[in-house]
Amino acid sequence: MVSNPHLSIEDGLPAGHREAAAHLFWDAFKAKLSLVMKPESRALAYLASNIDPDHAISAVSAGGELLGVAGYKTSKGGFVGGGLPELCAVYGWIGGVWRGFVLSLLDRPIEARTLQMDGIFVAAEARGQGVGTKLLDAVKQKARDLDCASVRLDVIDTNPRARKLYEREGFVAQETHETGLFRHVFGFRSSTRMVCLL
């Protein structure tokens, strides 16, 4: 892995990067979310309007380009916020209600003194340059700053590359949840909870 010295890690999402963050998020997670969130134009509109810059850590190039984001969730909110009213505003009442129900199946409760990851993604052109590792290091520091004892994330069975990165960074697999029939909706059979003790 080649480290990229020409980037900075910033607390929050810099002003002007909301649309870029929405596109990067969608590129990273559309395989899992496309059946629920399509069409893409509405998914991007929902994401862009419901991103919380205060629940993000960003990797930014020397030229100001957004290279990656690690979103996190606390009792005060998460990187991708919004609820039923926001879904209905984009998809209509019927579309918002069923999407809200299905998306709620992916939600995990916040645990005391645990910083919960809410998505980590890196631009395609920046992968393999250590951006993900730097973001994870910053997430751990953010957790310490918030007096958390651990960082928690969920990794799906179809993303073994991400799981290897998390294991290298000190995350240990705990329990695995099967998606059952919803595997046809989300495109994965199981997700594994991983925890890094600080």
C-alpha atoms as a PDB file:
ATOM      1  CA  MET A   1       0.000   0.000   0.000  1.00  0.00           C
ATOM      2  CA  VAL A   2       1.336   3.402  -1.022  1.00  0.00           C
ATOM      3  CA  SER A   3       0.774   6.196   1.456  1.00  0.00           C
ATOM      4  CA  ASN A   4      -0.484   9.457  -0.042  1.00  0.00           C
ATOM      5  CA  PRO A   5       1.306  12.430   1.522  1.00  0.00           C
ATOM      6  CA  HIS A   6      -0.750  14.899  -0.527  1.00  0.00           C
ATOM      7  CA  LEU A   7      -3.936  14.701   1.478  1.00  0.00           C
ATOM      8  CA  SER A   8      -5.289  16.046   4.703  1.00  0.00           C
ATOM      9  CA  ILE A   9      -7.702  14.459   7.151  1.00  0.00           C
ATOM     10  CA  GLU A  10     -10.319  16.943   8.318  1.00  0.00           C
ATOM     11  CA  ASP A  11     -12.917  16.803  11.059  1.00  0.00           C
ATOM     12  CA  GLY A  12     -16.329  17.233   9.438  1.00  0.00           C
ATOM     13  CA  LEU A  13     -17.278  17.563   5.786  1.00  0.00           C
ATOM     14  CA  PRO A  14     -15.759  20.696   4.242  1.00  0.00           C
ATOM     15  CA  ALA A  15     -18.171  23.270   2.856  1.00  0.00           C
ATOM     16  CA  GLY A  16     -19.055  22.700  -0.768  1.00  0.00           C
ATOM     17  CA  HIS A  17     -18.524  18.935  -0.703  1.00  0.00           C
ATOM     18  CA  ARG A  18     -22.053  17.761   0.082  1.00  0.00           C
ATOM     19  CA  GLU A  19     -22.829  16.725  -3.521  1.00  0.00           C
ATOM     20  CA  ALA A  20     -19.463  15.010  -3.925  1.00  0.00           C
ATOM     21  CA  ALA A  21     -19.991  13.106  -0.670  1.00  0.00           C
ATOM     22  CA  ALA A  22     -23.443  11.979  -1.823  1.00  0.00           C
ATOM     23  CA  HIS A  23     -21.994  10.667  -5.102  1.00  0.00           C
ATOM     24  CA  LEU A  24     -19.123   8.854  -3.362  1.00  0.00           C
ATOM     25  CA  PHE A  25     -21.532   7.329  -0.838  1.00  0.00           C
ATOM     26  CA  TRP A  26     -23.838   6.146  -3.613  1.00  0.00           C
ATOM     27  CA  ASP A  27     -20.954   4.681  -5.639  1.00  0.00           C
ATOM     28  CA  ALA A  28     -19.804   2.746  -2.571  1.00  0.00           C
ATOM     29  CA  PHE A  29     -23.186   1.451  -1.429  1.00  0.00           C
ATOM     30  CA  LYS A  30     -25.467   1.356  -4.469  1.00  0.00           C
ATOM     31  CA  ALA A  31     -25.095  -2.411  -4.833  1.00  0.00           C
ATOM     32  CA  LYS A  32     -26.682  -2.711  -1.395  1.00  0.00           C
ATOM     33  CA  LEU A  33     -29.164   0.155  -1.638  1.00  0.00           C
ATOM     34  CA  SER A  34     -30.145   0.474  -5.303  1.00  0.00           C
ATOM     35  CA  LEU A  35     -33.305  -1.652  -5.156  1.00  0.00           C
ATOM     36  CA  VAL A  36     -34.588   0.392  -2.225  1.00  0.00           C
ATOM     37  CA  MET A  37     -33.318   3.867  -3.076  1.00  0.00           C
ATOM     38  CA  LYS A  38     -33.633   3.968  -6.882  1.00  0.00           C
ATOM     39  CA  PRO A  39     -33.969   5.859  -9.105  1.00  0.00           C
ATOM     40  CA  GLU A  40     -30.421   7.152  -8.708  1.00  0.00           C
ATOM     41  CA  SER A  41     -31.429  10.787  -9.146  1.00  0.00           C
ATOM     42  CA  ARG A  42     -33.773  10.595  -6.152  1.00  0.00           C
ATOM     43  CA  ALA A  43     -31.258   8.625  -4.091  1.00  0.00           C
ATOM     44  CA  LEU A  44     -28.643  11.322  -4.680  1.00  0.00           C
ATOM     45  CA  ALA A  45     -31.166  14.054  -3.870  1.00  0.00           C
ATOM     46  CA  TYR A  46     -32.075  12.325  -0.599  1.00  0.00           C
ATOM     47  CA  LEU A  47     -28.445  11.748   0.374  1.00  0.00           C
ATOM     48  CA  ALA A  48     -27.294  15.267  -0.466  1.00  0.00           C
ATOM     49  CA  SER A  49     -30.082  16.860   1.559  1.00  0.00           C
ATOM     50  CA  ASN A  50     -29.679  14.568   4.584  1.00  0.00           C
ATOM     51  CA  ILE A  51     -25.919  14.358   5.038  1.00  0.00           C
ATOM     52  CA  ASP A  52     -24.798  15.772   8.391  1.00  0.00           C
ATOM     53  CA  PRO A  53     -21.341  17.339   7.935  1.00  0.00           C
ATOM     54  CA  ASP A  54     -20.765  17.257  11.703  1.00  0.00           C
ATOM     55  CA  HIS A  55     -20.772  13.438  11.743  1.00  0.00           C
ATOM     56  CA  ALA A  56     -18.002  12.962   9.201  1.00  0.00           C
ATOM     57  CA  ILE A  57     -14.256  12.807   8.880  1.00  0.00           C
ATOM     58  CA  SER A  58     -12.981  13.696   5.423  1.00  0.00           C
ATOM     59  CA  ALA A  59      -9.897  12.985   3.344  1.00  0.00           C
ATOM     60  CA  VAL A  60      -9.158  15.922   1.052  1.00  0.00           C
ATOM     61  CA  SER A  61      -6.466  16.224  -1.616  1.00  0.00           C
ATOM     62  CA  ALA A  62      -3.990  19.090  -1.738  1.00  0.00           C
ATOM     63  CA  GLY A  63      -6.114  20.496  -4.563  1.00  0.00           C
ATOM     64  CA  GLY A  64      -9.274  20.427  -2.463  1.00  0.00           C
ATOM     65  CA  GLU A  65     -10.877  17.306  -3.974  1.00  0.00           C
ATOM     66  CA  LEU A  66     -12.849  15.020  -1.674  1.00  0.00           C
ATOM     67  CA  LEU A  67     -11.072  11.641  -1.652  1.00  0.00           C
ATOM     68  CA  GLY A  68     -13.033   9.813   1.017  1.00  0.00           C
ATOM     69  CA  VAL A  69     -15.284  10.065   4.034  1.00  0.00           C
ATOM     70  CA  ALA A  70     -15.773   8.118   7.244  1.00  0.00           C
ATOM     71  CA  GLY A  71     -19.218   8.764   8.627  1.00  0.00           C
ATOM     72  CA  TYR A  72     -20.113   7.991  12.211  1.00  0.00           C
ATOM     73  CA  LYS A  73     -23.166   7.847  14.410  1.00  0.00           C
ATOM     74  CA  THR A  74     -23.758   9.000  17.964  1.00  0.00           C
ATOM     75  CA  SER A  75     -26.826   9.593  20.104  1.00  0.00           C
ATOM     76  CA  LYS A  76     -26.967  13.056  18.506  1.00  0.00           C
ATOM     77  CA  GLY A  77     -27.281  11.778  14.942  1.00  0.00           C
ATOM     78  CA  GLY A  78     -25.402  10.161  12.092  1.00  0.00           C
ATOM     79  CA  PHE A  79     -23.679  10.965   8.819  1.00  0.00           C
ATOM     80  CA  VAL A  80     -26.761  10.136   6.756  1.00  0.00           C
ATOM     81  CA  GLY A  81     -29.689  11.408   8.733  1.00  0.00           C
ATOM     82  CA  GLY A  82     -33.286  11.843   7.760  1.00  0.00           C
ATOM     83  CA  GLY A  83     -36.339   9.804   8.537  1.00  0.00           C
ATOM     84  CA  LEU A  84     -39.822   9.197   7.248  1.00  0.00           C
ATOM     85  CA  PRO A  85     -40.683  12.866   6.528  1.00  0.00           C
ATOM     86  CA  GLU A  86     -37.464  13.316   4.530  1.00  0.00           C
ATOM     87  CA  LEU A  87     -38.001  10.070   2.602  1.00  0.00           C
ATOM     88  CA  CYS A  88     -41.581  11.074   1.787  1.00  0.00           C
ATOM     89  CA  ALA A  89     -40.386  14.493   0.612  1.00  0.00           C
ATOM     90  CA  VAL A  90     -38.225  12.801  -2.031  1.00  0.00           C
ATOM     91  CA  TYR A  91     -40.173   9.612  -2.855  1.00  0.00           C
ATOM     92  CA  GLY A  92     -43.771  10.541  -2.039  1.00  0.00           C
ATOM     93  CA  TRP A  93     -45.866   9.177   0.807  1.00  0.00           C
ATOM     94  CA  ILE A  94     -46.186   5.562  -0.362  1.00  0.00           C
ATOM     95  CA  GLY A  95     -42.604   5.333  -1.614  1.00  0.00           C
ATOM     96  CA  GLY A  96     -41.272   6.922   1.560  1.00  0.00           C
ATOM     97  CA  VAL A  97     -43.169   4.605   3.915  1.00  0.00           C
ATOM     98  CA  TRP A  98     -42.055   1.308   2.400  1.00  0.00           C
ATOM     99  CA  ARG A  99     -38.494   2.532   1.934  1.00  0.00           C
ATOM    100  CA  GLY A 100     -38.412   3.671   5.547  1.00  0.00           C
ATOM    101  CA  PHE A 101     -39.489   0.235   6.725  1.00  0.00           C
ATOM    102  CA  VAL A 102     -36.940  -1.631   4.619  1.00  0.00           C
ATOM    103  CA  LEU A 103     -34.075   0.717   5.516  1.00  0.00           C
ATOM    104  CA  SER A 104     -34.914   0.373   9.220  1.00  0.00           C
ATOM    105  CA  LEU A 105     -33.835  -3.273   8.948  1.00  0.00           C
ATOM    106  CA  LEU A 106     -30.255  -2.072   8.457  1.00  0.00           C
ATOM    107  CA  ASP A 107     -30.311   0.199  11.496  1.00  0.00           C
ATOM    108  CA  ARG A 108     -28.370  -0.742  14.617  1.00  0.00           C
ATOM    109  CA  PRO A 109     -28.938   0.775  18.075  1.00  0.00           C
ATOM    110  CA  ILE A 110     -26.354   3.111  19.560  1.00  0.00           C
ATOM    111  CA  GLU A 111     -24.430   1.526  22.433  1.00  0.00           C
ATOM    112  CA  ALA A 112     -23.014   3.393  25.410  1.00  0.00           C
ATOM    113  CA  ARG A 113     -19.404   4.590  24.971  1.00  0.00           C
ATOM    114  CA  THR A 114     -19.255   3.134  21.459  1.00  0.00           C
ATOM    115  CA  LEU A 115     -18.702   5.169  18.324  1.00  0.00           C
ATOM    116  CA  GLN A 116     -20.666   3.530  15.545  1.00  0.00           C
ATOM    117  CA  MET A 117     -19.406   3.802  11.991  1.00  0.00           C
ATOM    118  CA  ASP A 118     -21.992   5.093   9.519  1.00  0.00           C
ATOM    119  CA  GLY A 119     -20.197   4.281   6.282  1.00  0.00           C
ATOM    120  CA  ILE A 120     -16.617   4.645   5.082  1.00  0.00           C
ATOM    121  CA  PHE A 121     -15.856   5.145   1.411  1.00  0.00           C
ATOM    122  CA  VAL A 122     -12.961   6.232  -0.780  1.00  0.00           C
ATOM    123  CA  ALA A 123     -13.019   7.615  -4.326  1.00  0.00           C
ATOM    124  CA  ALA A 124     -12.035   5.006  -6.919  1.00  0.00           C
ATOM    125  CA  GLU A 125      -8.974   6.964  -8.040  1.00  0.00           C
ATOM    126  CA  ALA A 126      -7.672   7.198  -4.446  1.00  0.00           C
ATOM    127  CA  ARG A 127      -7.991   3.544  -3.469  1.00  0.00           C
ATOM    128  CA  GLY A 128      -4.835   1.647  -2.542  1.00  0.00           C
ATOM    129  CA  GLN A 129      -3.114   4.806  -1.309  1.00  0.00           C
ATOM    130  CA  GLY A 130      -3.784   4.461   2.410  1.00  0.00           C
ATOM    131  CA  VAL A 131      -6.793   6.792   2.499  1.00  0.00           C
ATOM    132  CA  GLY A 132      -9.053   4.237   4.201  1.00  0.00           C
ATOM    133  CA  THR A 133      -6.414   3.508   6.836  1.00  0.00           C
ATOM    134  CA  LYS A 134      -5.957   7.200   7.607  1.00  0.00           C
ATOM    135  CA  LEU A 135      -9.703   7.663   7.898  1.00  0.00           C
ATOM    136  CA  LEU A 136      -9.980   4.719  10.299  1.00  0.00           C
ATOM    137  CA  ASP A 137      -7.123   6.110  12.404  1.00  0.00           C
ATOM    138  CA  ALA A 138      -8.965   9.432  12.580  1.00  0.00           C
ATOM    139  CA  VAL A 139     -12.201   7.679  13.551  1.00  0.00           C
ATOM    140  CA  LYS A 140     -10.432   5.974  16.452  1.00  0.00           C
ATOM    141  CA  GLN A 141      -9.056   9.328  17.591  1.00  0.00           C
ATOM    142  CA  LYS A 142     -12.510  10.889  17.321  1.00  0.00           C
ATOM    143  CA  ALA A 143     -13.880   8.069  19.484  1.00  0.00           C
ATOM    144  CA  ARG A 144     -11.214   8.752  22.117  1.00  0.00           C
ATOM    145  CA  ASP A 145     -12.029  12.478  21.976  1.00  0.00           C
ATOM    146  CA  LEU A 146     -15.680  11.606  22.648  1.00  0.00           C
ATOM    147  CA  ASP A 147     -14.669   9.374  25.578  1.00  0.00           C
ATOM    148  CA  CYS A 148     -15.732   6.194  23.804  1.00  0.00           C
ATOM    149  CA  ALA A 149     -14.196   2.856  24.710  1.00  0.00           C
ATOM    150  CA  SER A 150     -14.674   1.230  21.301  1.00  0.00           C
ATOM    151  CA  VAL A 151     -15.521   1.706  17.645  1.00  0.00           C
ATOM    152  CA  ARG A 152     -18.102  -0.528  16.032  1.00  0.00           C
ATOM    153  CA  LEU A 153     -18.927  -1.235  12.401  1.00  0.00           C
ATOM    154  CA  ASP A 154     -20.791  -3.797  10.335  1.00  0.00           C
ATOM    155  CA  VAL A 155     -19.225  -5.396   7.264  1.00  0.00           C
ATOM    156  CA  ILE A 156     -21.153  -7.417   4.703  1.00  0.00           C
ATOM    157  CA  ASP A 157     -20.127 -10.834   3.423  1.00  0.00           C
ATOM    158  CA  THR A 158     -19.653  -9.562  -0.143  1.00  0.00           C
ATOM    159  CA  ASN A 159     -16.892  -7.137   0.899  1.00  0.00           C
ATOM    160  CA  PRO A 160     -13.953  -9.296   2.053  1.00  0.00           C
ATOM    161  CA  ARG A 161     -11.434  -6.603   1.085  1.00  0.00           C
ATOM    162  CA  ALA A 162     -12.956  -4.173   3.583  1.00  0.00           C
ATOM    163  CA  ARG A 163     -13.037  -6.854   6.262  1.00  0.00           C
ATOM    164  CA  LYS A 164      -9.316  -7.499   5.818  1.00  0.00           C
ATOM    165  CA  LEU A 165      -8.618  -3.786   6.219  1.00  0.00           C
ATOM    166  CA  TYR A 166     -10.679  -3.658   9.410  1.00  0.00           C
ATOM    167  CA  GLU A 167      -8.898  -6.703  10.810  1.00  0.00           C
ATOM    168  CA  ARG A 168      -5.508  -5.095  10.085  1.00  0.00           C
ATOM    169  CA  GLU A 169      -6.720  -2.011  11.936  1.00  0.00           C
ATOM    170  CA  GLY A 170      -7.584  -3.954  15.095  1.00  0.00           C
ATOM    171  CA  PHE A 171     -11.270  -4.711  14.557  1.00  0.00           C
ATOM    172  CA  VAL A 172     -12.418  -8.116  15.803  1.00  0.00           C
ATOM    173  CA  ALA A 173     -15.440  -9.958  14.464  1.00  0.00           C
ATOM    174  CA  GLN A 174     -18.189 -10.619  16.965  1.00  0.00           C
ATOM    175  CA  GLU A 175     -21.643 -11.680  15.845  1.00  0.00           C
ATOM    176  CA  THR A 176     -23.013 -12.277  12.349  1.00  0.00           C
ATOM    177  CA  HIS A 177     -26.586 -11.497  11.316  1.00  0.00           C
ATOM    178  CA  GLU A 178     -28.257 -13.224   8.381  1.00  0.00           C
ATOM    179  CA  THR A 179     -30.476 -11.148   6.089  1.00  0.00           C
ATOM    180  CA  GLY A 180     -32.805 -14.032   5.225  1.00  0.00           C
ATOM    181  CA  LEU A 181     -35.185 -13.234   2.386  1.00  0.00           C
ATOM    182  CA  PHE A 182     -33.985  -9.634   2.369  1.00  0.00           C
ATOM    183  CA  ARG A 183     -30.759 -10.852   0.750  1.00  0.00           C
ATOM    184  CA  HIS A 184     -32.675 -10.447  -2.536  1.00  0.00           C
ATOM    185  CA  VAL A 185     -33.244  -6.784  -1.691  1.00  0.00           C
ATOM    186  CA  PHE A 186     -29.829  -5.841  -0.307  1.00  0.00           C
ATOM    187  CA  GLY A 187     -27.645  -8.230  -2.300  1.00  0.00           C
ATOM    188  CA  PHE A 188     -25.789  -9.766   0.639  1.00  0.00           C
ATOM    189  CA  ARG A 189     -26.482 -12.752   2.870  1.00  0.00           C
ATOM    190  CA  SER A 190     -25.012 -11.596   6.161  1.00  0.00           C
ATOM    191  CA  SER A 191     -23.312  -8.753   7.998  1.00  0.00           C
ATOM    192  CA  THR A 192     -20.734  -9.171  10.725  1.00  0.00           C
ATOM    193  CA  ARG A 193     -20.388  -6.820  13.640  1.00  0.00           C
ATOM    194  CA  MET A 194     -16.755  -5.853  14.246  1.00  0.00           C
ATOM    195  CA  VAL A 195     -15.409  -3.939  17.238  1.00  0.00           C
ATOM    196  CA  CYS A 196     -12.109  -2.202  17.919  1.00  0.00           C
ATOM    197  CA  LEU A 197     -11.362  -1.646  21.607  1.00  0.00           C
ATOM    198  CA  LEU A 198      -9.503   1.586  22.340  1.00  0.00           C
END
